[in-house]
Amino acid sequence: MKYLFLTSCLILILSCQSSSFAQKTKEISKVWVSDNGNGTYTNPVLYADYSDPDAIRVGDDYYLTASSFNCIPGLPILHSRDLVNWELIGHALQKQPPFEVFAKVQHGGGVWAPCIRFHNGQFYIYYPDPDWGIYVVKSSNPAGLWSDPILVQSGKGLIDPSPLWDDNGKAYLVYALAGSRAGVKSVLMVSRMMEDGTKLQGNSVMVFDGHKDHPTVEGPKFYKRNGYYYILAPAGGVAPGWQIALRSKNVFGPYEVKKVIERGGTDINGPHQGAWVDTKTGEYWFLNFQDLGAYGRVLHLNPMKWVSDWPVIGTDEKGTGTGNPVRTFKKPNVGRSYPLTTPPESDEFNTSELGLQWQWHANYQMTWGYPSGNLGFFRLNCIPRPAEAVNLWNISNLLLQKFPAPEFTATAKLTFDARFDGEEVGLVVMGMDYGTISVIRNNSVLEVRSNYCKSADKAAKEEISGTQKLDNTTVYFSVHVGKGAECTFSFSQDGQNFTGIGHSFKAREGRWIGAKLGFYALRDGVINDAGSADIDWFRIEK
């Protein structure tokens, strides 16, 4: 009874906290809102790169996390009351270990598919780093500070962990193997774990081999229902793949297997990896991602039902037991309606903190930049280009955020205090191909320049696609992202009249992440007082 009382109190506190989350939301997205306002929603519920999502319900509240790879802060924490309207409330990982490794950008490394759980009054997130092992972080408040990462199991190629605390208190962990690191893949492993969730015990057991019918099986999530142990996992590859369910009366199997959702005749590829959640009213739902190339892996919500103790995800009009993803559907019944909520996109830089949407490409270093509080701007310093850098691919001090919609315009106002030739500040659409619009000082004169780099990940050099002289130190940069991620840059010296510069280009994804948008500030060589740029505001609109 004491435990139930404490748990109830914690859920009440979290409920009050989550109500305040919604009250803090200042602006609704101008470019993508999934909630149609008529009791239905349209997928994706988040048109942004929340790859490998996992979610839980605690009382009336839903919490979701996703892969963050090399981007810091990592392990985003999103909150919702209805599974359609989501708010970004924080990050669980402020600095990524090993610190000396992630002091520099590590494309495709870092946090792969995480799993969030609530157990004994505490939140847990298990996440894999495919080069180092499986970690866990803990917190009593998902919007607050999380513990430093604890290495649960070291090893190369261990990915996609998901814990299960059984009815008798025993703990287990399911995970997969990454062929790129481990040399083997398409199998799922289960291991015993200490009850405090901090260390694996004994040998891991292979409980499923997907090589024959379900190749590249990965991303397992562990559940228990009606005496069955369930492992939900994607297979078949990210874009062409499907979702399977495994079930057994024994945690170590043998497991039966069934395909529970596939693309079918829809235009929604995948559907891939995600989380099963329920509502207090008795409904079941599945959150998963769809790979959209430059836009990243966007978040979808699909209805779920149980038939003969098997989950069926999506709509199953033919009664085959395998569903298909939905595009527009009735919103979950959570007992009441909640207001529109979307993650932040624009930033006026008027507070002592960056907007939660911003991430660096490596562990943050204070000299890269800092907020100015009531001064009303974010200061970016011109950091020396690494000697080995041939383009922006290996630059760590990139301040970026996700694409938020299929079409949008991003505009920023900044003032450049260039003290020496070779100093540059720019707006970048970053990926394996990228484009920039920047202001650079040459021969004591400022000029606006547009650059394009194709195959940046293969050490290609930038090409200048346009230059114009700049008369002022204050400039407005704009990029329009159109259908198919086609990008066009322009600039203005008065904030009213914009001039196009350079040629348009098609944005391209990064390594395991979508294209990202944001800022950089660089210089040639080391000096004791480099130039800087003050970003007044950044706005995303239609």
Protein backbone atom coordinates (compact mmCIF):
# COMPACT_ATOMS: atom_id res chain seq x y z
CA MET A 1 0.00 0.00 0.00
CA LYS A 2 2.86 2.38 0.80
CA TYR A 3 4.38 1.85 -2.63
CA LEU A 4 1.01 2.37 -4.33
CA PHE A 5 0.50 5.58 -2.37
CA LEU A 6 3.95 6.93 -3.32
CA THR A 7 3.49 5.96 -6.94
CA SER A 8 0.09 7.68 -7.04
CA CYS A 9 1.62 10.82 -5.53
CA LEU A 10 4.40 10.81 -8.12
CA ILE A 11 1.94 10.39 -10.97
CA LEU A 12 -0.09 13.30 -9.58
CA ILE A 13 3.03 15.47 -9.41
CA LEU A 14 4.03 14.52 -12.95
CA SER A 15 0.50 15.30 -14.12
CA CYS A 16 0.73 18.78 -12.60
CA GLN A 17 4.15 19.27 -14.16
CA SER A 18 2.90 18.18 -17.58
CA SER A 19 0.05 20.67 -17.35
CA SER A 20 2.62 23.40 -16.87
CA PHE A 21 4.53 22.12 -19.93
CA ALA A 22 1.55 22.97 -22.12
CA GLN A 23 1.15 26.38 -20.50
CA LYS A 24 4.75 27.27 -21.36
CA THR A 25 4.21 26.65 -25.06
CA LYS A 26 4.29 30.10 -26.68
CA GLU A 27 3.87 29.38 -30.35
CA ILE A 28 2.16 26.80 -32.54
CA SER A 29 3.96 25.74 -35.69
CA LYS A 30 3.09 27.79 -38.75
CA VAL A 31 4.14 24.99 -41.09
CA TRP A 32 2.88 21.64 -39.74
CA VAL A 33 0.11 20.75 -37.29
CA SER A 34 -1.11 17.15 -37.30
CA ASP A 35 -4.28 17.81 -35.26
CA ASN A 36 -7.02 18.67 -37.76
CA GLY A 37 -9.22 20.30 -35.12
CA ASN A 38 -12.21 18.09 -35.93
CA GLY A 39 -11.39 15.01 -33.88
CA THR A 40 -8.99 13.57 -36.45
CA TYR A 41 -5.27 13.78 -37.08
CA THR A 42 -3.05 13.43 -40.15
CA ASN A 43 0.22 11.53 -40.18
CA PRO A 44 2.97 12.28 -39.56
CA VAL A 45 2.08 13.61 -36.12
CA LEU A 46 5.58 15.16 -36.11
CA TYR A 47 7.00 16.03 -39.53
CA ALA A 48 10.50 16.02 -38.08
CA ASP A 49 13.38 13.62 -37.61
CA TYR A 50 12.45 11.73 -34.44
CA SER A 51 14.06 8.48 -35.50
CA ASP A 52 13.55 5.15 -33.70
CA PRO A 53 10.88 6.51 -31.33
CA ASP A 54 9.96 4.89 -28.05
CA ALA A 55 7.21 6.02 -25.68
CA ILE A 56 5.43 5.20 -22.44
CA ARG A 57 2.29 6.29 -20.59
CA VAL A 58 2.51 7.34 -16.94
CA GLY A 59 -0.95 8.25 -15.67
CA ASP A 60 -2.42 10.74 -18.13
CA ASP A 61 0.96 11.61 -19.63
CA TYR A 62 2.94 10.22 -22.53
CA TYR A 63 6.70 10.59 -22.79
CA LEU A 64 8.69 9.89 -25.95
CA THR A 65 12.38 9.75 -26.78
CA ALA A 66 14.25 9.09 -30.01
CA SER A 67 17.68 8.53 -31.50
CA SER A 68 19.97 11.56 -31.48
CA PHE A 69 23.22 10.04 -32.83
CA ASN A 70 26.09 12.57 -32.58
CA CYS A 71 23.82 15.58 -31.93
CA ILE A 72 23.99 17.23 -28.49
CA PRO A 73 22.03 17.69 -26.32
CA GLY A 74 20.80 14.20 -27.08
CA LEU A 75 17.95 11.89 -26.15
CA PRO A 76 15.10 14.37 -26.69
CA ILE A 77 12.19 14.12 -24.27
CA LEU A 78 8.75 14.91 -25.68
CA HIS A 79 5.49 15.06 -23.74
CA SER A 80 1.88 14.63 -24.86
CA ARG A 81 -1.53 14.12 -23.30
CA ASP A 82 -3.25 12.79 -26.44
CA LEU A 83 -0.49 11.19 -28.60
CA VAL A 84 -1.07 13.76 -31.37
CA ASN A 85 0.04 17.06 -29.83
CA TRP A 86 3.65 16.84 -28.68
CA GLU A 87 5.88 19.29 -26.81
CA LEU A 88 9.66 19.08 -26.54
CA ILE A 89 10.40 19.42 -22.81
CA GLY A 90 14.09 18.63 -22.53
CA HIS A 91 16.96 16.25 -23.22
CA ALA A 92 18.27 13.38 -21.12
CA LEU A 93 21.85 13.55 -22.41
CA GLN A 94 23.75 16.82 -22.02
CA LYS A 95 27.19 15.42 -22.82
CA GLN A 96 28.00 12.24 -24.67
CA PRO A 97 30.62 9.73 -23.49
CA PRO A 98 33.39 8.97 -24.17
CA PHE A 99 33.91 12.71 -23.85
CA GLU A 100 37.25 12.83 -25.67
CA VAL A 101 35.68 11.02 -28.66
CA PHE A 102 32.58 13.19 -28.92
CA ALA A 103 34.54 16.43 -28.56
CA LYS A 104 34.54 16.15 -32.35
CA VAL A 105 31.69 15.28 -34.69
CA GLN A 106 31.15 11.51 -35.09
CA HIS A 107 28.72 11.14 -37.97
CA GLY A 108 26.39 8.17 -37.50
CA GLY A 109 27.82 7.39 -34.07
CA GLY A 110 26.48 8.11 -30.61
CA VAL A 111 22.89 7.45 -29.55
CA TRP A 112 21.10 4.84 -31.62
CA ALA A 113 17.58 3.55 -30.89
CA PRO A 114 16.73 4.22 -27.20
CA CYS A 115 14.00 2.81 -24.97
CA ILE A 116 12.20 4.75 -22.22
CA ARG A 117 10.54 3.02 -19.26
CA PHE A 118 9.00 3.91 -15.87
CA HIS A 119 9.75 1.50 -13.01
CA ASN A 120 9.50 1.83 -9.24
CA GLY A 121 8.86 5.57 -9.42
CA GLN A 122 11.79 6.31 -11.72
CA PHE A 123 12.26 6.92 -15.43
CA TYR A 124 14.90 4.92 -17.29
CA ILE A 125 16.27 5.39 -20.80
CA TYR A 126 18.43 2.62 -22.21
CA TYR A 127 20.42 3.61 -25.26
CA PRO A 128 23.11 1.97 -27.35
CA ASP A 129 26.30 3.45 -28.71
CA PRO A 130 27.23 0.87 -31.36
CA ASP A 131 30.93 1.50 -30.83
CA TRP A 132 30.99 1.34 -27.03
CA GLY A 133 28.04 -0.55 -25.59
CA ILE A 134 24.68 -0.14 -23.87
CA TYR A 135 24.07 2.75 -21.45
CA VAL A 136 21.27 3.74 -19.07
CA VAL A 137 20.29 7.16 -17.69
CA LYS A 138 17.74 7.72 -14.91
CA SER A 139 15.56 10.53 -13.57
CA SER A 140 12.61 11.07 -11.25
CA ASN A 141 11.46 13.98 -13.44
CA PRO A 142 11.53 13.51 -17.24
CA ALA A 143 11.70 17.28 -17.80
CA GLY A 144 14.49 17.72 -15.26
CA LEU A 145 18.06 16.56 -14.90
CA TRP A 146 18.97 12.99 -15.77
CA SER A 147 21.82 10.98 -14.31
CA ASP A 148 25.16 10.62 -16.02
CA PRO A 149 25.20 7.59 -18.34
CA ILE A 150 26.00 4.23 -16.74
CA LEU A 151 27.61 1.61 -18.97
CA VAL A 152 25.37 -1.43 -18.54
CA GLN A 153 27.29 -3.64 -20.96
CA SER A 154 30.39 -2.78 -22.98
CA GLY A 155 30.74 -4.23 -26.46
CA LYS A 156 30.90 -3.32 -30.13
CA GLY A 157 27.74 -3.71 -32.16
CA LEU A 158 25.24 -4.04 -29.29
CA ILE A 159 22.19 -1.99 -30.29
CA ASP A 160 18.54 -1.24 -29.60
CA PRO A 161 18.16 -2.36 -25.95
CA SER A 162 14.79 -2.66 -24.23
CA PRO A 163 14.31 -3.72 -20.59
CA LEU A 164 11.55 -5.76 -18.98
CA TRP A 165 10.91 -6.02 -15.26
CA ASP A 166 8.89 -9.19 -14.77
CA ASP A 167 6.05 -9.72 -12.30
CA ASN A 168 8.44 -11.43 -9.85
CA GLY A 169 10.86 -8.48 -9.94
CA LYS A 170 13.42 -10.17 -12.17
CA ALA A 171 14.87 -7.98 -14.92
CA TYR A 172 15.77 -8.78 -18.53
CA LEU A 173 17.11 -6.89 -21.53
CA VAL A 174 16.49 -7.61 -25.21
CA TYR A 175 18.83 -6.16 -27.82
CA ALA A 176 19.99 -6.59 -31.41
CA LEU A 177 23.35 -6.64 -33.20
CA ALA A 178 24.65 -4.16 -35.78
CA GLY A 179 26.36 -5.90 -38.66
CA SER A 180 28.53 -2.86 -39.35
CA ARG A 181 30.20 -3.25 -35.94
CA ALA A 182 29.55 -6.79 -34.74
CA GLY A 183 29.99 -8.57 -38.06
CA VAL A 184 26.68 -10.40 -37.52
CA LYS A 185 23.09 -9.16 -37.58
CA SER A 186 19.45 -10.25 -37.98
CA VAL A 187 19.28 -11.90 -34.54
CA LEU A 188 17.67 -10.82 -31.26
CA MET A 189 19.27 -11.52 -27.90
CA VAL A 190 17.84 -11.64 -24.36
CA SER A 191 19.96 -11.33 -21.22
CA ARG A 192 19.28 -11.41 -17.51
CA MET A 193 19.87 -8.08 -15.81
CA MET A 194 20.40 -6.90 -12.23
CA GLU A 195 17.09 -5.75 -10.76
CA ASP A 196 18.38 -2.18 -10.45
CA GLY A 197 18.88 -2.21 -14.24
CA THR A 198 22.57 -1.27 -14.19
CA LYS A 199 24.35 -4.45 -15.31
CA LEU A 200 23.72 -7.56 -17.40
CA GLN A 201 24.16 -10.97 -15.81
CA GLY A 202 25.23 -14.27 -17.30
CA ASN A 203 25.15 -15.22 -20.95
CA SER A 204 22.89 -13.64 -23.52
CA VAL A 205 20.51 -16.00 -25.31
CA MET A 206 19.58 -15.81 -28.98
CA VAL A 207 15.78 -15.94 -29.00
CA PHE A 208 15.14 -15.15 -32.68
CA ASP A 209 16.98 -15.56 -35.97
CA GLY A 210 15.46 -13.47 -38.74
CA HIS A 211 17.85 -14.35 -41.57
CA LYS A 212 15.37 -16.49 -43.50
CA ASP A 213 12.08 -14.58 -43.39
CA HIS A 214 12.79 -11.36 -41.50
CA PRO A 215 16.29 -10.13 -42.42
CA THR A 216 17.82 -7.16 -40.62
CA VAL A 217 15.51 -7.64 -37.66
CA GLU A 218 16.40 -4.95 -35.09
CA GLY A 219 14.85 -2.36 -32.78
CA PRO A 220 13.16 -4.83 -30.39
CA LYS A 221 10.81 -3.62 -27.66
CA PHE A 222 10.00 -5.90 -24.69
CA TYR A 223 6.48 -6.20 -23.19
CA LYS A 224 4.35 -8.63 -21.20
CA ARG A 225 0.58 -9.11 -21.53
CA ASN A 226 -1.85 -11.88 -20.55
CA GLY A 227 0.99 -14.21 -19.58
CA TYR A 228 2.81 -13.77 -22.90
CA TYR A 229 6.19 -12.14 -23.37
CA TYR A 230 6.12 -9.98 -26.49
CA ILE A 231 8.96 -8.57 -28.56
CA LEU A 232 7.88 -6.08 -31.22
CA ALA A 233 10.56 -5.47 -33.83
CA PRO A 234 11.01 -4.09 -37.35
CA ALA A 235 12.59 -6.14 -40.12
CA GLY A 236 13.32 -5.97 -43.82
CA GLY A 237 15.26 -2.70 -43.83
CA VAL A 238 14.20 0.84 -42.99
CA ALA A 239 12.30 2.01 -46.08
CA PRO A 240 11.00 -1.33 -47.49
CA GLY A 241 10.53 -3.04 -44.13
CA TRP A 242 7.67 -4.19 -41.91
CA GLN A 243 6.92 -4.80 -38.23
CA ILE A 244 6.76 -8.23 -36.58
CA ALA A 245 5.57 -9.45 -33.20
CA LEU A 246 7.13 -12.34 -31.31
CA ARG A 247 5.36 -14.04 -28.41
CA SER A 248 6.17 -16.77 -25.93
CA LYS A 249 5.13 -18.01 -22.49
CA ASN A 250 8.83 -18.19 -21.59
CA VAL A 251 11.10 -15.15 -21.57
CA PHE A 252 13.82 -17.13 -23.41
CA GLY A 253 11.39 -18.62 -25.93
CA PRO A 254 10.80 -20.32 -28.21
CA TYR A 255 8.89 -17.44 -29.78
CA GLU A 256 6.13 -17.56 -32.36
CA VAL A 257 6.34 -14.83 -34.98
CA LYS A 258 3.73 -12.85 -36.94
CA LYS A 259 3.89 -9.86 -39.28
CA VAL A 260 1.63 -7.20 -37.75
CA ILE A 261 1.95 -4.17 -40.08
CA GLU A 262 3.34 -3.58 -43.54
CA ARG A 263 3.10 -0.88 -46.20
CA GLY A 264 0.58 -2.70 -48.35
CA GLY A 265 -0.95 -0.48 -51.01
CA THR A 266 -0.34 2.75 -49.10
CA ASP A 267 2.16 5.50 -49.94
CA ILE A 268 3.73 5.21 -46.44
CA ASN A 269 6.99 3.29 -46.60
CA GLY A 270 8.29 1.22 -43.73
CA PRO A 271 6.40 1.35 -41.39
CA HIS A 272 9.30 0.92 -39.04
CA GLN A 273 10.33 0.63 -35.39
CA GLY A 274 8.30 2.12 -32.59
CA ALA A 275 6.35 1.82 -29.37
CA TRP A 276 3.12 0.24 -28.20
CA VAL A 277 1.14 2.41 -25.75
CA ASP A 278 -2.39 2.33 -24.35
CA THR A 279 -4.93 4.86 -23.12
CA LYS A 280 -6.80 4.92 -19.82
CA THR A 281 -9.97 4.33 -21.84
CA GLY A 282 -8.69 0.96 -23.08
CA GLU A 283 -7.42 1.81 -26.57
CA TYR A 284 -4.08 0.68 -28.01
CA TRP A 285 -1.78 2.70 -30.28
CA PHE A 286 1.57 2.35 -31.98
CA LEU A 287 4.09 5.15 -32.58
CA ASN A 288 6.56 4.45 -35.39
CA PHE A 289 8.67 6.27 -37.93
CA GLN A 290 8.66 6.65 -41.71
CA ASP A 291 11.88 7.36 -43.61
CA LEU A 292 11.50 10.49 -45.77
CA GLY A 293 15.09 10.99 -46.89
CA ALA A 294 16.15 14.61 -46.42
CA TYR A 295 13.28 15.19 -43.97
CA GLY A 296 14.53 12.38 -41.77
CA ARG A 297 12.51 9.69 -40.04
CA VAL A 298 9.21 11.29 -39.14
CA LEU A 299 6.79 10.20 -36.42
CA HIS A 300 3.54 8.37 -37.23
CA LEU A 301 0.68 7.21 -35.02
CA ASN A 302 -1.26 4.06 -35.90
CA PRO A 303 -4.24 2.41 -34.19
CA MET A 304 -3.63 -1.02 -32.70
CA LYS A 305 -5.91 -3.83 -31.57
CA TRP A 306 -5.52 -7.33 -30.15
CA VAL A 307 -6.86 -10.39 -31.96
CA SER A 308 -6.31 -13.81 -30.36
CA ASP A 309 -3.48 -12.38 -28.27
CA TRP A 310 -1.71 -10.97 -31.33
CA PRO A 311 -1.37 -7.24 -32.00
CA VAL A 312 -2.68 -5.87 -35.30
CA ILE A 313 -1.32 -2.41 -36.12
CA GLY A 314 -2.98 0.02 -38.54
CA THR A 315 -6.15 -0.90 -40.39
CA ASP A 316 -6.79 -4.49 -41.46
CA GLU A 317 -9.64 -4.19 -43.93
CA LYS A 318 -9.02 -7.65 -45.41
CA GLY A 319 -8.90 -9.37 -42.02
CA THR A 320 -5.49 -10.94 -42.63
CA GLY A 321 -4.12 -10.05 -39.20
CA THR A 322 -1.54 -7.75 -40.79
CA GLY A 323 -2.44 -4.08 -40.82
CA ASN A 324 -1.53 -1.17 -43.07
CA PRO A 325 -0.55 2.34 -41.90
CA VAL A 326 -3.11 5.14 -41.79
CA ARG A 327 -2.79 8.65 -43.17
CA THR A 328 -5.76 10.34 -41.47
CA PHE A 329 -7.59 8.78 -38.55
CA LYS A 330 -9.73 9.49 -35.50
CA LYS A 331 -7.70 10.83 -32.58
CA PRO A 332 -7.12 8.61 -29.55
CA ASN A 333 -9.82 8.68 -26.89
CA VAL A 334 -7.94 9.90 -23.81
CA GLY A 335 -11.04 11.08 -21.95
CA ARG A 336 -10.93 14.76 -22.92
CA SER A 337 -9.56 17.23 -25.47
CA TYR A 338 -6.25 19.03 -25.20
CA PRO A 339 -5.00 22.20 -26.92
CA LEU A 340 -2.75 22.27 -29.96
CA THR A 341 0.89 21.81 -29.06
CA THR A 342 3.98 21.56 -31.29
CA PRO A 343 7.73 21.46 -30.68
CA PRO A 344 9.56 24.81 -30.89
CA GLU A 345 10.91 25.98 -34.26
CA SER A 346 11.51 29.75 -34.14
CA ASP A 347 13.73 31.45 -31.57
CA GLU A 348 13.95 35.12 -30.58
CA PHE A 349 17.05 34.47 -28.41
CA ASN A 350 15.66 36.69 -25.66
CA THR A 351 16.29 34.40 -22.69
CA SER A 352 19.20 32.82 -20.89
CA GLU A 353 18.67 29.49 -22.66
CA LEU A 354 18.71 28.34 -26.26
CA GLY A 355 15.45 26.98 -27.60
CA LEU A 356 15.21 23.24 -26.99
CA GLN A 357 15.16 22.53 -30.72
CA TRP A 358 18.84 23.46 -31.15
CA GLN A 359 21.61 20.86 -31.12
CA TRP A 360 25.34 20.99 -31.72
CA HIS A 361 27.11 18.42 -33.90
CA ALA A 362 29.38 17.37 -31.01
CA ASN A 363 29.72 17.91 -27.27
CA TYR A 364 29.22 21.62 -26.66
CA GLN A 365 32.19 23.84 -25.87
CA MET A 366 31.39 27.17 -24.25
CA THR A 367 33.63 29.16 -26.60
CA TRP A 368 31.50 28.16 -29.59
CA GLY A 369 28.68 30.47 -28.55
CA TYR A 370 26.39 31.53 -25.74
CA PRO A 371 23.05 33.23 -25.04
CA SER A 372 23.06 36.85 -23.91
CA GLY A 373 19.89 36.82 -21.83
CA ASN A 374 18.19 40.22 -21.80
CA LEU A 375 20.58 41.57 -24.44
CA GLY A 376 18.41 39.63 -26.90
CA PHE A 377 20.74 37.65 -29.14
CA PHE A 378 22.80 34.48 -29.37
CA ARG A 379 26.53 35.08 -29.79
CA LEU A 380 28.42 32.81 -32.19
CA ASN A 381 32.21 33.07 -32.17
CA CYS A 382 34.37 32.48 -35.20
CA ILE A 383 36.15 29.23 -34.32
CA PRO A 384 39.31 28.20 -36.22
CA ARG A 385 38.69 25.76 -39.04
CA PRO A 386 40.36 22.42 -38.31
CA ALA A 387 43.47 21.97 -40.44
CA GLU A 388 42.08 18.76 -41.91
CA ALA A 389 38.64 20.19 -42.80
CA VAL A 390 37.96 20.56 -46.53
CA ASN A 391 34.30 21.50 -46.04
CA LEU A 392 31.72 21.70 -43.24
CA TRP A 393 31.32 17.92 -42.87
CA ASN A 394 33.87 17.64 -40.07
CA ILE A 395 33.02 20.92 -38.36
CA SER A 396 31.77 20.36 -34.82
CA ASN A 397 30.48 23.86 -33.93
CA LEU A 398 27.37 23.66 -36.12
CA LEU A 399 24.23 24.89 -34.32
CA LEU A 400 21.35 23.10 -36.04
CA GLN A 401 17.73 22.02 -35.80
CA LYS A 402 15.52 19.55 -37.65
CA PHE A 403 13.45 20.25 -40.75
CA PRO A 404 9.90 20.82 -39.38
CA ALA A 405 7.66 20.38 -42.46
CA PRO A 406 7.68 19.46 -46.15
CA GLU A 407 7.69 23.15 -47.13
CA PHE A 408 8.76 26.18 -45.10
CA THR A 409 10.84 29.36 -45.09
CA ALA A 410 13.49 30.07 -42.45
CA THR A 411 14.72 33.65 -41.97
CA ALA A 412 17.34 34.99 -39.57
CA LYS A 413 18.62 38.44 -38.63
CA LEU A 414 22.22 38.75 -37.51
CA THR A 415 24.99 41.30 -37.05
CA PHE A 416 28.54 40.33 -37.94
CA ASP A 417 31.50 41.80 -36.07
CA ALA A 418 34.29 40.59 -38.35
CA ARG A 419 37.67 41.64 -36.98
CA PHE A 420 39.94 39.91 -39.48
CA ASP A 421 39.92 38.66 -43.06
CA GLY A 422 38.81 35.07 -43.44
CA GLU A 423 36.14 35.25 -40.73
CA GLU A 424 32.74 33.95 -41.83
CA VAL A 425 29.26 33.36 -40.44
CA GLY A 426 26.56 31.53 -42.33
CA LEU A 427 23.19 29.83 -42.52
CA VAL A 428 23.52 26.22 -43.65
CA VAL A 429 21.24 23.43 -44.83
CA MET A 430 23.43 20.54 -43.73
CA GLY A 431 23.63 16.96 -44.93
CA MET A 432 25.82 14.73 -47.06
CA ASP A 433 25.21 17.45 -49.64
CA TYR A 434 24.78 20.95 -48.28
CA GLY A 435 24.32 24.59 -49.18
CA THR A 436 25.18 27.81 -47.37
CA ILE A 437 24.58 31.52 -47.45
CA SER A 438 27.22 33.44 -45.52
CA VAL A 439 28.90 36.75 -44.99
CA ILE A 440 32.69 36.68 -45.13
CA ARG A 441 35.36 39.35 -44.78
CA ASN A 442 37.84 39.54 -47.66
CA ASN A 443 40.38 42.38 -48.04
CA SER A 444 38.58 44.26 -45.24
CA VAL A 445 35.33 44.16 -47.25
CA LEU A 446 32.20 42.15 -46.40
CA GLU A 447 30.53 40.05 -49.07
CA VAL A 448 27.57 37.70 -49.14
CA ARG A 449 28.41 34.34 -50.59
CA SER A 450 26.41 31.25 -51.51
CA ASN A 451 28.22 27.92 -51.58
CA TYR A 452 27.19 24.40 -52.51
CA CYS A 453 28.93 21.15 -51.63
CA LYS A 454 27.95 17.86 -53.25
CA SER A 455 29.14 14.67 -51.51
CA ALA A 456 30.54 16.52 -48.52
CA ASP A 457 30.86 13.19 -46.72
CA LYS A 458 33.34 12.11 -49.38
CA ALA A 459 35.60 15.15 -48.79
CA ALA A 460 34.37 17.13 -51.82
CA LYS A 461 35.16 20.84 -51.86
CA GLU A 462 32.62 23.65 -51.78
CA GLU A 463 31.74 25.49 -54.97
CA ILE A 464 30.85 29.19 -54.92
CA SER A 465 27.48 29.68 -56.62
CA GLY A 466 27.08 33.42 -56.05
CA THR A 467 28.65 36.48 -54.41
CA GLN A 468 27.51 40.04 -53.75
CA LYS A 469 29.02 42.95 -51.84
CA LEU A 470 27.46 43.74 -48.45
CA ASP A 471 27.22 47.35 -47.30
CA ASN A 472 26.05 46.74 -43.73
CA THR A 473 27.20 44.57 -40.85
CA THR A 474 23.56 43.61 -40.19
CA VAL A 475 22.08 41.18 -42.69
CA TYR A 476 18.96 39.01 -43.07
CA PHE A 477 19.42 35.47 -44.41
CA SER A 478 16.57 33.36 -45.73
CA VAL A 479 16.17 29.88 -47.16
CA HIS A 480 13.00 28.52 -48.71
CA VAL A 481 12.59 24.74 -48.60
CA GLY A 482 10.07 23.65 -51.20
CA LYS A 483 8.60 20.35 -52.34
CA GLY A 484 11.12 17.57 -52.52
CA ALA A 485 13.47 19.51 -50.19
CA GLU A 486 14.47 21.96 -52.95
CA CYS A 487 16.27 24.87 -51.27
CA THR A 488 16.73 28.47 -52.40
CA PHE A 489 18.74 31.14 -50.55
CA SER A 490 18.20 34.89 -50.45
CA PHE A 491 19.37 37.86 -48.36
CA SER A 492 18.32 41.36 -47.44
CA GLN A 493 19.98 44.44 -45.97
CA ASP A 494 16.72 46.03 -44.75
CA GLY A 495 14.58 43.02 -43.81
CA GLN A 496 12.04 43.84 -46.50
CA ASN A 497 13.58 43.41 -49.93
CA PHE A 498 15.25 40.05 -50.48
CA THR A 499 17.62 39.16 -53.30
CA GLY A 500 18.16 35.59 -54.42
CA ILE A 501 21.71 34.33 -54.56
CA GLY A 502 23.30 31.19 -55.96
CA HIS A 503 21.45 28.28 -57.50
CA SER A 504 18.83 26.11 -55.87
CA PHE A 505 19.82 22.69 -54.61
CA LYS A 506 18.16 19.60 -53.24
CA ALA A 507 18.78 18.96 -49.55
CA ARG A 508 20.13 15.57 -48.63
CA GLU A 509 20.08 13.63 -45.36
CA GLY A 510 23.11 13.26 -43.13
CA ARG A 511 24.37 9.95 -41.79
CA TRP A 512 21.30 8.34 -40.17
CA ILE A 513 19.75 11.79 -39.64
CA GLY A 514 17.67 14.09 -41.79
CA ALA A 515 18.98 17.32 -43.26
CA LYS A 516 19.36 20.02 -40.62
CA LEU A 517 19.21 23.78 -40.68
CA GLY A 518 21.17 26.34 -38.68
CA PHE A 519 24.34 28.33 -38.22
CA TYR A 520 28.12 28.20 -38.22
CA ALA A 521 30.90 30.73 -37.54
CA LEU A 522 34.49 30.05 -38.62
CA ARG A 523 37.81 31.74 -39.26
CA ASP A 524 41.25 31.01 -40.68
CA GLY A 525 43.88 30.47 -38.01
CA VAL A 526 44.00 31.13 -34.27
CA ILE A 527 43.76 34.61 -32.73
CA ASN A 528 43.30 35.85 -29.18
CA ASP A 529 40.05 37.72 -29.91
CA ALA A 530 38.19 36.41 -32.95
CA GLY A 531 35.21 38.00 -34.62
CA SER A 532 31.64 36.98 -33.83
CA ALA A 533 28.04 37.14 -34.98
CA ASP A 534 25.03 38.10 -32.89
CA ILE A 535 21.90 36.25 -34.07
CA ASP A 536 18.94 38.48 -33.24
CA TRP A 537 16.22 36.03 -34.22
CA PHE A 538 15.40 32.93 -36.27
CA ARG A 539 11.85 32.38 -37.60
CA ILE A 540 10.19 29.55 -39.48
CA GLU A 541 7.07 30.43 -41.47
CA LYS A 542 5.19 29.35 -44.57
